[in-house]
Amino acid sequence: MPGYYPDSRTAQIPWWATFKTEAHNYAATFPSILTVGNLAKIDSFAALVLNLADAADQAKNYASNLVAYQQIWLSGALGTVVPAAPVLPALPPIPLGSVVGGEAFARLIVGQLKADPAMTPAIEEAMGISSPSGSLGNPLVQTIQALGASQVRLRCKKAGYPALQIKMRQNGGAWLTLGVSLSASFTDTTAPLVAGTSEVREYTVQGYLDNIAQGSISAIKSVATTP
């Protein structure tokens, strides 16, 4: 998935450390987003990522040592002195009431930060939340097909975005946000303004990343519906 959040668990450790430090540094710049409560959650997730990674390493070492210990018992020469049994590592302490979803929480906060007027490219870079340049293109509606019962099927180009926000208007009225689609195909099931009649529907799409619509808005595609 394109974006700033690392895929590997190893890379997530320094990412969270940086995000935690800079979140505190820029708390005064984004006071309504980086609240005391949200900073506490960021601190908690940063510590949890580190502690769980360490626990996972210890568990791997334990598994390896246990296999070696088993081999001594089953395949060792008679008279071999049995070493001490490996000790099962303990899980790191997790505060009561902690919630899961570190990545989802990070993306929620980052989406709010990116949408704030005070955000700058320099701050994004410092916080580690800049999207890789050149990874995202310009989404568009490639094909549009009128189905029966006033439904319309769209086939879109996502242009590297994980999702698209889709907007539509009927007979030149106000634009409506139909929703966010993870798929390149989307079927509009909106009821017609007047039942049993054809109408003109226009559509645009826009890339959707970090919980906000961003990037260029596609050219309008239109179609007359089939009742």
Protein backbone atom coordinates (compact mmCIF):
# COMPACT_ATOMS: atom_id res chain seq x y z
CA MET A 1 0.00 0.00 0.00
CA PRO A 2 1.52 3.35 -1.00
CA GLY A 3 2.09 5.81 1.79
CA TYR A 4 4.25 6.66 4.76
CA TYR A 5 3.41 3.78 7.11
CA PRO A 6 6.04 0.98 6.96
CA ASP A 7 4.96 -2.53 6.01
CA SER A 8 7.63 -4.34 8.02
CA ARG A 9 7.41 -4.69 11.80
CA THR A 10 11.08 -3.83 12.10
CA ALA A 11 10.65 -0.53 10.25
CA GLN A 12 7.57 0.35 12.31
CA ILE A 13 9.67 0.63 15.49
CA PRO A 14 11.68 3.72 14.40
CA TRP A 15 8.62 5.15 12.62
CA TRP A 16 6.60 5.13 15.84
CA ALA A 17 9.55 6.54 17.79
CA THR A 18 9.82 9.47 15.35
CA PHE A 19 6.06 10.02 15.22
CA LYS A 20 5.86 10.03 19.01
CA THR A 21 8.70 12.55 19.42
CA GLU A 22 7.45 14.92 16.73
CA ALA A 23 3.83 14.65 17.87
CA HIS A 24 4.91 16.10 21.21
CA ASN A 25 7.06 18.71 19.46
CA TYR A 26 4.15 19.93 17.32
CA ALA A 27 1.37 19.57 19.90
CA ALA A 28 1.11 23.36 20.21
CA THR A 29 0.76 23.66 16.41
CA PHE A 30 -2.15 21.20 16.28
CA PRO A 31 -3.78 21.52 19.72
CA SER A 32 -7.20 20.19 18.64
CA ILE A 33 -5.65 17.02 17.16
CA LEU A 34 -2.60 16.30 19.31
CA THR A 35 -4.51 16.48 22.56
CA VAL A 36 -3.24 15.11 25.85
CA GLY A 37 -5.39 12.02 25.35
CA ASN A 38 -4.18 11.38 21.79
CA LEU A 39 -0.55 11.96 22.76
CA ALA A 40 -0.96 9.37 25.53
CA LYS A 41 -2.30 6.86 22.98
CA ILE A 42 0.61 7.60 20.62
CA ASP A 43 3.05 7.06 23.50
CA SER A 44 1.32 3.79 24.39
CA PHE A 45 1.39 2.42 20.84
CA ALA A 46 5.05 3.44 20.37
CA ALA A 47 6.02 1.55 23.52
CA LEU A 48 3.84 -1.43 22.62
CA VAL A 49 5.36 -1.78 19.15
CA LEU A 50 8.85 -1.85 20.65
CA ASN A 51 7.97 -4.19 23.53
CA LEU A 52 6.04 -6.65 21.36
CA ALA A 53 8.86 -6.75 18.81
CA ASP A 54 11.29 -7.57 21.62
CA ALA A 55 8.90 -10.21 22.97
CA ALA A 56 8.59 -11.76 19.50
CA ASP A 57 12.39 -12.02 19.24
CA GLN A 58 12.56 -13.64 22.67
CA ALA A 59 9.83 -16.09 21.66
CA LYS A 60 11.78 -17.07 18.51
CA ASN A 61 14.90 -17.64 20.58
CA TYR A 62 12.91 -19.70 23.07
CA ALA A 63 11.51 -21.89 20.28
CA SER A 64 15.00 -22.46 18.89
CA ASN A 65 16.42 -23.28 22.32
CA LEU A 66 13.53 -25.63 23.05
CA VAL A 67 14.20 -27.63 19.87
CA ALA A 68 17.88 -27.91 20.82
CA TYR A 69 16.89 -29.00 24.34
CA GLN A 70 14.59 -31.64 22.87
CA GLN A 71 17.38 -32.94 20.66
CA ILE A 72 19.65 -33.40 23.66
CA TRP A 73 17.02 -35.52 25.43
CA LEU A 74 16.14 -37.61 22.39
CA SER A 75 19.42 -37.84 20.48
CA GLY A 76 22.15 -37.10 23.00
CA ALA A 77 24.77 -39.72 23.92
CA LEU A 78 24.26 -41.69 27.10
CA GLY A 79 25.70 -39.86 30.02
CA THR A 80 25.28 -36.41 28.48
CA VAL A 81 24.62 -33.83 31.16
CA VAL A 82 21.27 -32.20 30.56
CA PRO A 83 21.47 -28.39 30.55
CA ALA A 84 18.92 -26.19 32.24
CA ALA A 85 15.60 -26.07 30.43
CA PRO A 86 14.92 -22.90 28.42
CA VAL A 87 12.64 -20.42 30.18
CA LEU A 88 9.48 -19.26 28.47
CA PRO A 89 9.67 -15.46 28.15
CA ALA A 90 6.91 -13.37 29.69
CA LEU A 91 4.69 -11.10 27.65
CA PRO A 92 5.31 -7.37 28.12
CA PRO A 93 2.88 -5.69 30.53
CA ILE A 94 -0.08 -4.12 28.74
CA PRO A 95 -2.14 -1.55 30.67
CA LEU A 96 -5.70 -2.56 31.47
CA GLY A 97 -8.17 -1.01 29.04
CA SER A 98 -5.67 -0.69 26.17
CA VAL A 99 -7.23 -0.83 22.71
CA VAL A 100 -5.86 -2.47 19.58
CA GLY A 101 -5.45 -0.87 16.16
CA GLY A 102 -2.19 1.07 16.21
CA GLU A 103 -1.99 1.53 12.44
CA ALA A 104 -5.65 2.52 12.14
CA PHE A 105 -5.23 5.06 14.96
CA ALA A 106 -2.05 6.46 13.39
CA ARG A 107 -3.75 6.85 10.01
CA LEU A 108 -6.74 8.55 11.64
CA ILE A 109 -4.52 11.11 13.40
CA VAL A 110 -2.30 11.61 10.35
CA GLY A 111 -5.36 12.15 8.14
CA GLN A 112 -6.52 14.91 10.48
CA LEU A 113 -3.04 16.45 10.59
CA LYS A 114 -2.69 16.47 6.80
CA ALA A 115 -6.07 18.18 6.46
CA ASP A 116 -5.15 20.93 8.96
CA PRO A 117 -4.24 24.29 7.36
CA ALA A 118 -1.18 24.54 9.63
CA MET A 119 0.40 21.45 8.08
CA THR A 120 3.45 22.02 5.85
CA PRO A 121 5.68 19.68 3.81
CA ALA A 122 8.51 20.32 6.28
CA ILE A 123 6.37 19.19 9.23
CA GLU A 124 5.21 16.12 7.31
CA GLU A 125 8.84 15.25 6.61
CA ALA A 126 9.82 15.72 10.27
CA MET A 127 6.94 13.55 11.49
CA GLY A 128 7.61 10.81 8.95
CA ILE A 129 4.21 11.13 7.31
CA SER A 130 5.16 12.25 3.80
CA SER A 131 3.82 10.01 1.06
CA PRO A 132 6.52 8.80 -1.35
CA SER A 133 6.75 11.14 -4.34
CA GLY A 134 5.67 9.75 -7.68
CA SER A 135 3.69 6.85 -6.20
CA LEU A 136 0.26 8.38 -6.82
CA GLY A 137 -1.28 9.46 -10.12
CA ASN A 138 -4.54 10.99 -11.32
CA PRO A 139 -7.65 8.81 -10.83
CA LEU A 140 -10.38 8.86 -13.46
CA VAL A 141 -13.66 7.27 -14.48
CA GLN A 142 -12.69 4.98 -17.35
CA THR A 143 -16.06 3.53 -18.36
CA ILE A 144 -19.63 4.21 -17.36
CA GLN A 145 -22.62 1.95 -18.07
CA ALA A 146 -26.34 2.45 -17.47
CA LEU A 147 -27.90 -0.68 -16.01
CA GLY A 148 -31.56 -1.38 -15.41
CA ALA A 149 -33.53 0.00 -12.43
CA SER A 150 -31.70 3.37 -12.71
CA GLN A 151 -28.40 1.82 -11.56
CA VAL A 152 -25.06 2.86 -13.04
CA ARG A 153 -21.81 0.91 -13.08
CA LEU A 154 -18.45 2.72 -13.05
CA ARG A 155 -15.04 1.34 -13.86
CA CYS A 156 -12.31 3.60 -12.50
CA LYS A 157 -8.54 4.00 -12.55
CA LYS A 158 -7.25 4.18 -8.97
CA ALA A 159 -3.82 5.52 -10.01
CA GLY A 160 -2.03 4.05 -7.02
CA TYR A 161 -4.52 5.16 -4.36
CA PRO A 162 -5.85 2.49 -1.99
CA ALA A 163 -9.38 3.86 -2.39
CA LEU A 164 -11.45 6.42 -4.30
CA GLN A 165 -14.06 8.92 -3.16
CA ILE A 166 -16.95 8.96 -5.64
CA LYS A 167 -19.30 11.92 -6.20
CA MET A 168 -22.42 12.16 -8.33
CA ARG A 169 -25.12 14.67 -9.28
CA GLN A 170 -28.52 14.13 -10.85
CA ASN A 171 -29.86 16.40 -13.62
CA GLY A 172 -27.37 19.16 -12.82
CA GLY A 173 -28.23 19.34 -9.11
CA ALA A 174 -25.93 19.43 -6.10
CA TRP A 175 -22.98 17.06 -5.91
CA LEU A 176 -23.47 14.11 -3.56
CA THR A 177 -20.71 11.96 -2.05
CA LEU A 178 -21.72 8.37 -2.74
CA GLY A 179 -18.96 6.92 -0.60
CA VAL A 180 -15.44 5.53 -0.68
CA SER A 181 -14.68 2.49 -2.81
CA LEU A 182 -11.73 0.16 -2.27
CA SER A 183 -12.47 -1.47 -5.62
CA ALA A 184 -11.95 0.00 -9.09
CA SER A 185 -15.54 -1.03 -9.89
CA PHE A 186 -18.51 0.71 -8.31
CA THR A 187 -22.27 0.42 -8.82
CA ASP A 188 -24.45 3.43 -8.04
CA THR A 189 -27.84 2.31 -6.72
CA THR A 190 -29.21 5.78 -5.98
CA ALA A 191 -32.97 6.09 -6.52
CA PRO A 192 -34.01 8.41 -9.38
CA LEU A 193 -35.37 11.88 -8.61
CA VAL A 194 -38.61 10.88 -10.32
CA ALA A 195 -39.49 7.21 -10.21
CA GLY A 196 -39.68 5.45 -13.55
CA THR A 197 -37.96 8.21 -15.54
CA SER A 198 -34.51 8.56 -17.07
CA GLU A 199 -32.13 11.22 -15.75
CA VAL A 200 -28.63 12.47 -16.47
CA ARG A 201 -26.03 11.51 -13.87
CA GLU A 202 -22.54 12.95 -13.72
CA TYR A 203 -19.63 11.40 -11.82
CA THR A 204 -16.18 12.37 -10.59
CA VAL A 205 -13.63 10.46 -8.52
CA GLN A 206 -10.77 11.57 -6.30
CA GLY A 207 -8.00 9.64 -4.55
CA TYR A 208 -8.65 8.73 -0.92
CA LEU A 209 -5.74 8.23 1.47
CA ASP A 210 -5.22 8.67 5.22
CA ASN A 211 -8.98 9.19 5.76
CA ILE A 212 -9.21 12.21 3.45
CA ALA A 213 -9.84 12.84 -0.27
CA GLN A 214 -6.72 14.24 -1.90
CA GLY A 215 -5.09 14.84 -5.23
CA SER A 216 -6.77 15.86 -8.47
CA ILE A 217 -10.50 15.51 -9.10
CA SER A 218 -11.21 13.55 -12.26
CA ALA A 219 -12.97 14.89 -15.34
CA ILE A 220 -16.75 14.55 -15.25
CA LYS A 221 -18.30 11.51 -16.92
CA SER A 222 -22.04 11.47 -17.58
CA VAL A 223 -24.69 8.97 -18.60
CA ALA A 224 -28.46 8.81 -19.03
CA THR A 225 -29.96 6.21 -16.72
CA THR A 226 -32.27 3.41 -17.80
CA PRO A 227 -35.43 3.16 -15.59
